[in-house]
């Protein structure tokens, strides 16, 4: 089964971003991600054995317990692989307060949390995607590479509300089962950051 461990921002955070993009979406025929599916993927496994789910849950629970809550904010954006030939448009994670000396620590903690989640899935027998961790919320997928520099500049003006990350979620992804054949996400379990 396809699973991922993720940080799921509160509804008011994704709704704020959704409102910012609302009137602008009509300007591009991208496959836009629905606000309720917004998340920061920490670890992804395209093929995790169902028999390993209990062990994955146990390991993610232990991993989350080693980490303390921290504050993040969504702001700015970018494109994969780059704005000139984008296949994915995304929102970025930025300092909750640029003058807050704790923010670099929060981004470091986010990186440590992602490594812990990847390790938990891998040790439980799930084949974890090996790409470098880049925290982001996918906003849209493009059918073919496009120039999206104007969209990236627009997103650079966006500043979302800050929120405290205090849990991670294990999610199953069911391809083609959502509206317009998008993935349907099923929350399997949440794990508190209690370190």
Protein backbone atom coordinates (compact mmCIF):
# COMPACT_ATOMS: atom_id res chain seq x y z
CA UNK A 1 0.00 0.00 0.00
CA UNK A 2 1.05 3.64 -0.55
CA UNK A 3 1.62 5.47 2.73
CA UNK A 4 3.26 8.60 3.98
CA UNK A 5 4.07 10.22 7.30
CA UNK A 6 3.20 13.90 7.27
CA UNK A 7 2.58 17.09 9.13
CA UNK A 8 -0.98 18.17 8.41
CA UNK A 9 -1.48 21.89 9.04
CA UNK A 10 -4.65 22.96 10.84
CA UNK A 11 -7.67 23.72 8.66
CA UNK A 12 -7.36 27.48 9.26
CA UNK A 13 -3.79 27.41 7.86
CA UNK A 14 -4.72 25.59 4.64
CA UNK A 15 -7.95 27.63 4.32
CA UNK A 16 -5.90 30.87 4.51
CA UNK A 17 -3.67 29.67 1.66
CA UNK A 18 -6.70 28.43 -0.28
CA UNK A 19 -8.35 31.86 0.02
CA UNK A 20 -5.15 33.53 -1.24
CA UNK A 21 -5.10 31.27 -4.31
CA UNK A 22 -8.86 31.17 -4.93
CA UNK A 23 -9.34 33.85 -7.61
CA UNK A 24 -5.91 33.25 -9.12
CA UNK A 25 -6.43 29.53 -9.85
CA UNK A 26 -8.65 30.30 -12.82
CA UNK A 27 -5.63 31.80 -14.61
CA UNK A 28 -3.97 28.40 -15.02
CA UNK A 29 -5.22 24.97 -16.04
CA UNK A 30 -3.12 23.14 -13.46
CA UNK A 31 -4.31 20.14 -11.44
CA UNK A 32 -4.77 22.00 -8.15
CA UNK A 33 -4.49 20.18 -4.84
CA UNK A 34 -7.60 20.49 -2.68
CA UNK A 35 -7.03 22.48 0.55
CA UNK A 36 -8.07 19.56 2.75
CA UNK A 37 -5.25 17.49 1.26
CA UNK A 38 -2.51 19.98 2.18
CA UNK A 39 0.39 18.38 4.06
CA UNK A 40 4.16 18.37 4.45
CA UNK A 41 5.41 14.88 3.61
CA UNK A 42 8.10 13.68 6.00
CA UNK A 43 8.50 10.17 4.57
CA UNK A 44 6.83 8.40 1.64
CA UNK A 45 6.66 4.71 0.75
CA UNK A 46 5.05 3.75 -2.55
CA UNK A 47 4.97 0.09 -1.51
CA UNK A 48 4.60 -0.66 2.18
CA UNK A 49 3.53 -4.17 3.14
CA UNK A 50 0.20 -4.10 5.00
CA UNK A 51 1.56 -6.63 7.48
CA UNK A 52 4.11 -3.98 8.54
CA UNK A 53 1.52 -1.34 9.52
CA UNK A 54 1.55 -2.22 13.22
CA UNK A 55 5.33 -1.99 13.35
CA UNK A 56 5.31 1.24 11.32
CA UNK A 57 2.83 2.72 13.83
CA UNK A 58 4.92 1.62 16.81
CA UNK A 59 8.11 3.03 15.31
CA UNK A 60 6.45 6.33 14.31
CA UNK A 61 4.99 6.66 17.80
CA UNK A 62 8.46 6.23 19.34
CA UNK A 63 9.99 8.61 16.80
CA UNK A 64 7.39 11.32 17.44
CA UNK A 65 7.83 10.96 21.20
CA UNK A 66 11.51 11.93 20.85
CA UNK A 67 10.64 15.31 19.29
CA UNK A 68 9.24 18.46 20.86
CA UNK A 69 6.54 20.66 19.29
CA UNK A 70 7.75 23.60 17.17
CA UNK A 71 6.22 26.49 15.23
CA UNK A 72 6.04 26.75 11.42
CA UNK A 73 4.42 29.02 8.86
CA UNK A 74 3.66 28.61 5.15
CA UNK A 75 4.97 31.40 2.93
CA UNK A 76 6.65 31.87 -0.40
CA UNK A 77 6.85 29.15 -2.98
CA UNK A 78 8.72 27.45 -5.73
CA UNK A 79 8.56 24.78 -8.40
CA UNK A 80 10.02 21.36 -9.05
CA UNK A 81 12.37 20.86 -10.78
CA UNK A 82 12.60 24.65 -11.37
CA UNK A 83 10.33 27.57 -12.37
CA UNK A 84 11.43 27.46 -16.02
CA UNK A 85 10.29 23.85 -16.54
CA UNK A 86 7.94 23.23 -13.64
CA UNK A 87 6.00 20.03 -13.14
CA UNK A 88 4.95 20.89 -9.56
CA UNK A 89 4.09 24.25 -7.97
CA UNK A 90 4.48 24.37 -4.18
CA UNK A 91 4.22 26.60 -1.10
CA UNK A 92 7.29 26.80 1.10
CA UNK A 93 7.93 26.64 4.85
CA UNK A 94 9.36 29.90 6.20
CA UNK A 95 10.23 31.45 9.58
CA UNK A 96 7.15 32.10 11.71
CA UNK A 97 8.87 35.35 12.68
CA UNK A 98 11.99 36.34 10.73
CA UNK A 99 13.42 37.91 13.90
CA UNK A 100 12.73 34.82 16.02
CA UNK A 101 16.05 33.21 16.90
CA UNK A 102 14.23 29.89 17.53
CA UNK A 103 13.10 29.52 13.91
CA UNK A 104 16.34 28.02 12.54
CA UNK A 105 16.00 25.51 15.37
CA UNK A 106 12.42 24.80 14.24
CA UNK A 107 13.60 24.12 10.67
CA UNK A 108 16.36 21.91 12.04
CA UNK A 109 13.78 20.09 14.16
CA UNK A 110 11.63 19.61 11.06
CA UNK A 111 14.60 18.01 9.28
CA UNK A 112 15.31 15.75 12.27
CA UNK A 113 11.64 14.75 12.41
CA UNK A 114 11.68 13.85 8.71
CA UNK A 115 14.79 11.68 9.20
CA UNK A 116 13.14 9.96 12.17
CA UNK A 117 9.98 9.26 10.16
CA UNK A 118 11.97 7.92 7.20
CA UNK A 119 13.96 5.67 9.52
CA UNK A 120 10.78 4.39 11.21
CA UNK A 121 9.21 3.40 7.89
CA UNK A 122 12.41 1.85 6.55
CA UNK A 123 13.14 -0.18 9.70
CA UNK A 124 9.59 -1.55 9.56
CA UNK A 125 10.15 -2.84 6.03
CA UNK A 126 8.64 -0.07 3.86
CA UNK A 127 10.65 0.99 0.81
CA UNK A 128 11.07 4.71 1.55
CA UNK A 129 11.49 7.17 -1.32
CA UNK A 130 15.14 8.23 -1.21
CA UNK A 131 14.82 11.82 -2.42
CA UNK A 132 16.30 14.63 -0.34
CA UNK A 133 13.81 16.12 2.13
CA UNK A 134 12.46 19.47 0.96
CA UNK A 135 9.59 20.70 3.19
CA UNK A 136 6.72 22.02 1.06
CA UNK A 137 2.98 21.85 0.41
CA UNK A 138 2.19 20.76 -3.15
CA UNK A 139 -0.26 23.26 -4.64
CA UNK A 140 -0.57 22.04 -8.22
CA UNK A 141 0.72 19.48 -10.68
CA UNK A 142 1.26 20.41 -14.29
CA UNK A 143 0.52 18.05 -17.17
CA UNK A 144 3.74 19.03 -18.93
CA UNK A 145 6.69 21.27 -17.98
CA UNK A 146 5.74 24.96 -17.94
CA UNK A 147 7.28 28.32 -17.10
CA UNK A 148 5.80 29.38 -13.72
CA UNK A 149 8.04 32.25 -12.60
CA UNK A 150 5.02 34.56 -12.27
CA UNK A 151 3.34 32.06 -9.94
CA UNK A 152 6.50 31.76 -7.83
CA UNK A 153 6.69 35.57 -7.57
CA UNK A 154 3.04 35.65 -6.53
CA UNK A 155 3.65 33.02 -3.85
CA UNK A 156 6.67 34.97 -2.60
CA UNK A 157 4.16 37.63 -1.47
CA UNK A 158 2.18 35.10 0.57
CA UNK A 159 2.54 34.93 4.38
CA UNK A 160 0.36 32.38 6.13
CA UNK A 161 -0.50 32.14 9.82
CA UNK A 162 1.91 30.38 12.17
CA UNK A 163 0.91 27.15 13.87
CA UNK A 164 2.41 24.76 16.38
CA UNK A 165 3.40 21.39 14.97
CA UNK A 166 2.56 18.96 17.77
CA UNK A 167 1.78 15.75 15.90
CA UNK A 168 2.50 13.75 12.78
CA UNK A 169 0.07 11.63 10.87
CA UNK A 170 0.34 8.29 9.06
CA UNK A 171 -1.73 8.48 5.87
CA UNK A 172 -2.70 5.92 3.23
CA UNK A 173 -2.89 7.23 -0.32
CA UNK A 174 -5.44 5.59 -2.62
CA UNK A 175 -4.64 6.63 -6.18
CA UNK A 176 -7.53 7.69 -8.41
CA UNK A 177 -10.20 7.30 -5.72
CA UNK A 178 -10.75 11.01 -5.04
CA UNK A 179 -12.68 13.64 -7.01
CA UNK A 180 -11.60 13.88 -10.65
CA UNK A 181 -9.45 10.75 -10.14
CA UNK A 182 -7.16 12.49 -7.64
CA UNK A 183 -5.75 10.48 -4.72
CA UNK A 184 -7.96 9.88 -1.70
CA UNK A 185 -6.11 10.24 1.60
CA UNK A 186 -7.06 8.13 4.60
CA UNK A 187 -5.67 9.07 7.99
CA UNK A 188 -4.55 5.87 9.70
CA UNK A 189 -3.15 7.24 12.96
CA UNK A 190 -1.66 10.34 14.59
CA UNK A 191 1.37 10.52 16.86
CA UNK A 192 2.07 13.31 19.37
CA UNK A 193 5.38 15.12 19.54
CA UNK A 194 6.09 14.84 23.24
CA UNK A 195 9.88 15.04 23.60
